[in-house]
Amino acid sequence: MKNNLLKYYIAAFYLCSNVVVFAQPGNNDGGGGLEGTDPAGAPIDDYIWVLAAIGLVYVFFRMRYFVQKGSISKE
C-alpha cells in the first residue's frame, strides 16, 4: 500500500509541477538572451503522423499480448 501511494504522490508532483518549470519571458533583455526573433528549430507538426503510427503499432502489439495471455476473451 505504501509503494502504491508513493506512485500517486510522484505522479501528482509531476502533473502539478509542470506549470512551475516553464520560464517566464521578459520584456527587457539587454544581454541578448533567449528572446530573439528566430523561428522555432523543429516544429512538431511535420512528424505527427509518425507519432500516430507508432502509437497504433504499440496498441496493436499490446492488444495481441493481452489476447495471447488470456486477459481479453476472443470473440
C-alpha atoms as a PDB file:
ATOM      1  CA  MET A   1       0.000   0.000   0.000  1.00  0.00           C
ATOM      2  CA  LYS A   2       2.819   2.367   0.857  1.00  0.00           C
ATOM      3  CA  ASN A   3       4.519   1.760  -2.503  1.00  0.00           C
ATOM      4  CA  ASN A   4       1.244   2.314  -4.370  1.00  0.00           C
ATOM      5  CA  LEU A   5       0.631   5.572  -2.508  1.00  0.00           C
ATOM      6  CA  LEU A   6       4.163   6.718  -3.345  1.00  0.00           C
ATOM      7  CA  LYS A   7       3.414   6.259  -7.056  1.00  0.00           C
ATOM      8  CA  TYR A   8       0.362   8.514  -6.742  1.00  0.00           C
ATOM      9  CA  TYR A   9       2.389  11.173  -4.917  1.00  0.00           C
ATOM     10  CA  ILE A  10       5.083  11.135  -7.597  1.00  0.00           C
ATOM     11  CA  ALA A  11       2.508  11.336 -10.403  1.00  0.00           C
ATOM     12  CA  ALA A  12       0.712  14.224  -8.689  1.00  0.00           C
ATOM     13  CA  PHE A  13       4.015  16.035  -8.187  1.00  0.00           C
ATOM     14  CA  TYR A  14       4.941  15.751 -11.873  1.00  0.00           C
ATOM     15  CA  LEU A  15       1.484  16.786 -13.070  1.00  0.00           C
ATOM     16  CA  CYS A  16       1.302  19.799 -10.759  1.00  0.00           C
ATOM     17  CA  SER A  17       4.885  20.987 -11.148  1.00  0.00           C
ATOM     18  CA  ASN A  18       4.975  21.320 -14.927  1.00  0.00           C
ATOM     19  CA  VAL A  19       3.482  24.823 -14.730  1.00  0.00           C
ATOM     20  CA  VAL A  20       6.253  25.956 -12.397  1.00  0.00           C
ATOM     21  CA  VAL A  21       9.176  24.755 -14.516  1.00  0.00           C
ATOM     22  CA  PHE A  22       8.407  26.882 -17.585  1.00  0.00           C
ATOM     23  CA  ALA A  23      10.471  30.049 -17.820  1.00  0.00           C
ATOM     24  CA  GLN A  24       8.571  33.297 -17.958  1.00  0.00           C
ATOM     25  CA  PRO A  25       9.532  35.563 -20.854  1.00  0.00           C
ATOM     26  CA  GLY A  26      10.774  39.025 -20.019  1.00  0.00           C
ATOM     27  CA  ASN A  27      10.473  42.247 -21.964  1.00  0.00           C
ATOM     28  CA  ASN A  28      13.774  43.875 -21.115  1.00  0.00           C
ATOM     29  CA  ASP A  29      16.596  41.604 -22.238  1.00  0.00           C
ATOM     30  CA  GLY A  30      19.715  43.680 -22.741  1.00  0.00           C
ATOM     31  CA  GLY A  31      22.135  40.758 -22.673  1.00  0.00           C
ATOM     32  CA  GLY A  32      20.983  39.032 -25.863  1.00  0.00           C
ATOM     33  CA  GLY A  33      19.399  36.084 -24.116  1.00  0.00           C
ATOM     34  CA  LEU A  34      16.804  33.640 -25.347  1.00  0.00           C
ATOM     35  CA  GLU A  35      14.298  36.201 -26.540  1.00  0.00           C
ATOM     36  CA  GLY A  36      15.046  36.558 -30.208  1.00  0.00           C
ATOM     37  CA  THR A  37      13.012  36.634 -33.390  1.00  0.00           C
ATOM     38  CA  ASP A  38      14.460  33.344 -34.666  1.00  0.00           C
ATOM     39  CA  PRO A  39      11.874  30.798 -35.847  1.00  0.00           C
ATOM     40  CA  ALA A  40      11.470  27.538 -33.997  1.00  0.00           C
ATOM     41  CA  GLY A  41      14.043  24.922 -34.955  1.00  0.00           C
ATOM     42  CA  ALA A  42      11.896  21.780 -35.095  1.00  0.00           C
ATOM     43  CA  PRO A  43       8.135  22.066 -35.474  1.00  0.00           C
ATOM     44  CA  ILE A  44       6.260  19.015 -34.217  1.00  0.00           C
ATOM     45  CA  ASP A  45       3.561  19.281 -36.896  1.00  0.00           C
ATOM     46  CA  ASP A  46       5.839  17.788 -39.540  1.00  0.00           C
ATOM     47  CA  TYR A  47       6.066  14.357 -37.917  1.00  0.00           C
ATOM     48  CA  ILE A  48       2.778  13.999 -36.051  1.00  0.00           C
ATOM     49  CA  TRP A  49       1.773  11.185 -38.422  1.00  0.00           C
ATOM     50  CA  VAL A  50       4.884   9.245 -37.368  1.00  0.00           C
ATOM     51  CA  LEU A  51       3.886   9.545 -33.719  1.00  0.00           C
ATOM     52  CA  ALA A  52       0.347   8.377 -34.545  1.00  0.00           C
ATOM     53  CA  ALA A  53       1.673   5.363 -36.497  1.00  0.00           C
ATOM     54  CA  ILE A  54       3.991   4.371 -33.651  1.00  0.00           C
ATOM     55  CA  GLY A  55       1.076   4.657 -31.225  1.00  0.00           C
ATOM     56  CA  LEU A  56      -1.140   2.428 -33.373  1.00  0.00           C
ATOM     57  CA  VAL A  57       1.594  -0.203 -33.696  1.00  0.00           C
ATOM     58  CA  TYR A  58       2.099  -0.137 -29.929  1.00  0.00           C
ATOM     59  CA  VAL A  59      -1.632  -0.594 -29.296  1.00  0.00           C
ATOM     60  CA  PHE A  60      -1.721  -3.492 -31.773  1.00  0.00           C
ATOM     61  CA  PHE A  61       1.150  -5.308 -30.047  1.00  0.00           C
ATOM     62  CA  ARG A  62      -0.276  -4.729 -26.571  1.00  0.00           C
ATOM     63  CA  MET A  63      -3.719  -5.988 -27.587  1.00  0.00           C
ATOM     64  CA  ARG A  64      -2.146  -9.078 -29.191  1.00  0.00           C
ATOM     65  CA  TYR A  65      -0.192  -9.716 -25.980  1.00  0.00           C
ATOM     66  CA  PHE A  66      -3.309  -9.481 -23.813  1.00  0.00           C
ATOM     67  CA  VAL A  67      -5.279 -11.777 -26.123  1.00  0.00           C
ATOM     68  CA  GLN A  68      -2.490 -14.369 -26.066  1.00  0.00           C
ATOM     69  CA  LYS A  69      -2.202 -14.092 -22.295  1.00  0.00           C
ATOM     70  CA  GLY A  70      -5.944 -14.607 -21.895  1.00  0.00           C
ATOM     71  CA  SER A  71      -6.772 -11.317 -20.222  1.00  0.00           C
ATOM     72  CA  ILE A  72      -9.145 -10.373 -23.039  1.00  0.00           C
ATOM     73  CA  SER A  73     -11.500 -13.029 -24.370  1.00  0.00           C
ATOM     74  CA  LYS A  74     -11.514 -13.778 -28.093  1.00  0.00           C
ATOM     75  CA  GLU A  75     -14.919 -13.239 -29.629  1.00  0.00           C
END
